């Protein structure tokens, strides 16, 4: 009924979008952000409802091990985050 193989692609797609956004917001070119992503497939009413829960770092580590906090507050709804829908649709 549902192609469960696509669920792994959903997590990778979310990481690509979030990782790209976080890398663009820190001053180092080699900054590496971090995140934990959990895939859930069932809603409160026990129906198939694939969705992600995630927690991400507010900084990135440079190649030298320096931690650099991303300037500003919560992520804005910018062009990288808006492009996430197109990546999901491509899966």
C-alpha atoms as a PDB file:
ATOM      1  CA  UNK A   1       0.000   0.000   0.000  1.00  0.00           C
ATOM      2  CA  UNK A   2       2.732   2.501   0.970  1.00  0.00           C
ATOM      3  CA  UNK A   3       6.307   2.497  -0.306  1.00  0.00           C
ATOM      4  CA  UNK A   4       8.227   2.454   2.994  1.00  0.00           C
ATOM      5  CA  UNK A   5      11.550   2.743   1.123  1.00  0.00           C
ATOM      6  CA  UNK A   6      10.742   6.408   0.562  1.00  0.00           C
ATOM      7  CA  UNK A   7      10.792   7.063   4.312  1.00  0.00           C
ATOM      8  CA  UNK A   8      14.601   6.831   4.460  1.00  0.00           C
ATOM      9  CA  UNK A   9      14.798   9.302   1.584  1.00  0.00           C
ATOM     10  CA  UNK A  10      12.547  11.681   3.525  1.00  0.00           C
ATOM     11  CA  UNK A  11      15.046  11.846   6.415  1.00  0.00           C
ATOM     12  CA  UNK A  12      17.988  12.371   4.063  1.00  0.00           C
ATOM     13  CA  UNK A  13      16.097  15.074   2.196  1.00  0.00           C
ATOM     14  CA  UNK A  14      15.312  16.918   5.438  1.00  0.00           C
ATOM     15  CA  UNK A  15      18.971  16.738   6.461  1.00  0.00           C
ATOM     16  CA  UNK A  16      20.137  18.108   3.090  1.00  0.00           C
ATOM     17  CA  UNK A  17      17.822  21.110   3.376  1.00  0.00           C
ATOM     18  CA  UNK A  18      18.558  21.794   7.046  1.00  0.00           C
ATOM     19  CA  UNK A  19      22.304  21.167   6.692  1.00  0.00           C
ATOM     20  CA  UNK A  20      22.520  23.523   3.714  1.00  0.00           C
ATOM     21  CA  UNK A  21      20.686  26.237   5.624  1.00  0.00           C
ATOM     22  CA  UNK A  22      22.829  25.875   8.752  1.00  0.00           C
ATOM     23  CA  UNK A  23      26.088  25.870   6.750  1.00  0.00           C
ATOM     24  CA  UNK A  24      25.081  29.120   5.059  1.00  0.00           C
ATOM     25  CA  UNK A  25      24.448  30.896   8.360  1.00  0.00           C
ATOM     26  CA  UNK A  26      27.864  30.405  10.024  1.00  0.00           C
ATOM     27  CA  UNK A  27      30.988  32.353   9.003  1.00  0.00           C
ATOM     28  CA  UNK A  28      33.225  29.323   8.244  1.00  0.00           C
ATOM     29  CA  UNK A  29      33.105  27.568   4.869  1.00  0.00           C
ATOM     30  CA  UNK A  30      33.993  24.227   6.439  1.00  0.00           C
ATOM     31  CA  UNK A  31      31.470  24.406   9.309  1.00  0.00           C
ATOM     32  CA  UNK A  32      29.712  21.128  10.103  1.00  0.00           C
ATOM     33  CA  UNK A  33      26.267  21.360  11.758  1.00  0.00           C
ATOM     34  CA  UNK A  34      24.651  18.557  13.730  1.00  0.00           C
ATOM     35  CA  UNK A  35      21.128  17.199  14.091  1.00  0.00           C
ATOM     36  CA  UNK A  36      19.161  14.195  15.285  1.00  0.00           C
ATOM     37  CA  UNK A  37      16.162  13.232  13.159  1.00  0.00           C
ATOM     38  CA  UNK A  38      13.407  10.847  14.250  1.00  0.00           C
ATOM     39  CA  UNK A  39      10.931   9.472  11.726  1.00  0.00           C
ATOM     40  CA  UNK A  40       7.381   8.822  12.897  1.00  0.00           C
ATOM     41  CA  UNK A  41       4.832   7.083  10.693  1.00  0.00           C
ATOM     42  CA  UNK A  42       1.682   6.969  12.829  1.00  0.00           C
ATOM     43  CA  UNK A  43      -0.546   9.852  13.875  1.00  0.00           C
ATOM     44  CA  UNK A  44      -2.523  10.238  17.106  1.00  0.00           C
ATOM     45  CA  UNK A  45      -5.400   8.396  15.457  1.00  0.00           C
ATOM     46  CA  UNK A  46      -3.251   5.387  14.413  1.00  0.00           C
ATOM     47  CA  UNK A  47      -3.294   6.293  10.730  1.00  0.00           C
ATOM     48  CA  UNK A  48      -0.287   6.374   8.400  1.00  0.00           C
ATOM     49  CA  UNK A  49       1.136   9.884   8.694  1.00  0.00           C
ATOM     50  CA  UNK A  50       4.877  10.064   7.960  1.00  0.00           C
ATOM     51  CA  UNK A  51       6.540  13.064   9.606  1.00  0.00           C
ATOM     52  CA  UNK A  52       9.861  14.033  11.161  1.00  0.00           C
ATOM     53  CA  UNK A  53      10.883  15.351  14.556  1.00  0.00           C
ATOM     54  CA  UNK A  54      14.329  16.877  14.767  1.00  0.00           C
ATOM     55  CA  UNK A  55      16.660  18.798  16.989  1.00  0.00           C
ATOM     56  CA  UNK A  56      19.583  20.715  15.528  1.00  0.00           C
ATOM     57  CA  UNK A  57      22.645  22.467  16.839  1.00  0.00           C
ATOM     58  CA  UNK A  58      22.696  26.251  16.898  1.00  0.00           C
ATOM     59  CA  UNK A  59      26.332  26.249  15.854  1.00  0.00           C
ATOM     60  CA  UNK A  60      28.773  24.482  13.624  1.00  0.00           C
ATOM     61  CA  UNK A  61      32.244  23.019  14.127  1.00  0.00           C
ATOM     62  CA  UNK A  62      34.981  24.250  11.826  1.00  0.00           C
ATOM     63  CA  UNK A  63      37.757  22.007  10.538  1.00  0.00           C
ATOM     64  CA  UNK A  64      39.972  23.217  13.382  1.00  0.00           C
ATOM     65  CA  UNK A  65      37.411  22.216  16.000  1.00  0.00           C
ATOM     66  CA  UNK A  66      36.216  25.754  16.685  1.00  0.00           C
ATOM     67  CA  UNK A  67      32.527  26.011  17.568  1.00  0.00           C
ATOM     68  CA  UNK A  68      30.782  28.941  15.940  1.00  0.00           C
ATOM     69  CA  UNK A  69      27.276  29.928  16.953  1.00  0.00           C
ATOM     70  CA  UNK A  70      24.897  30.898  14.196  1.00  0.00           C
ATOM     71  CA  UNK A  71      24.038  34.614  14.470  1.00  0.00           C
ATOM     72  CA  UNK A  72      20.452  35.628  15.144  1.00  0.00           C
ATOM     73  CA  UNK A  73      17.547  33.769  16.660  1.00  0.00           C
ATOM     74  CA  UNK A  74      15.322  31.093  15.213  1.00  0.00           C
ATOM     75  CA  UNK A  75      15.763  30.292  11.502  1.00  0.00           C
ATOM     76  CA  UNK A  76      13.854  32.599   9.221  1.00  0.00           C
ATOM     77  CA  UNK A  77      11.620  31.260   6.477  1.00  0.00           C
ATOM     78  CA  UNK A  78      14.218  31.943   3.799  1.00  0.00           C
ATOM     79  CA  UNK A  79      14.827  30.621   0.298  1.00  0.00           C
ATOM     80  CA  UNK A  80      16.702  27.498   1.439  1.00  0.00           C
ATOM     81  CA  UNK A  81      13.911  26.379   3.772  1.00  0.00           C
ATOM     82  CA  UNK A  82      11.276  27.196   1.166  1.00  0.00           C
ATOM     83  CA  UNK A  83      13.164  25.018  -1.314  1.00  0.00           C
ATOM     84  CA  UNK A  84      12.668  22.000   0.949  1.00  0.00           C
ATOM     85  CA  UNK A  85       9.222  21.361  -0.491  1.00  0.00           C
ATOM     86  CA  UNK A  86      10.676  21.019  -3.974  1.00  0.00           C
ATOM     87  CA  UNK A  87      13.235  18.459  -2.700  1.00  0.00           C
ATOM     88  CA  UNK A  88      10.513  16.363  -1.055  1.00  0.00           C
ATOM     89  CA  UNK A  89       8.370  16.513  -4.186  1.00  0.00           C
ATOM     90  CA  UNK A  90      11.345  15.282  -6.236  1.00  0.00           C
ATOM     91  CA  UNK A  91      11.599  12.121  -4.073  1.00  0.00           C
END
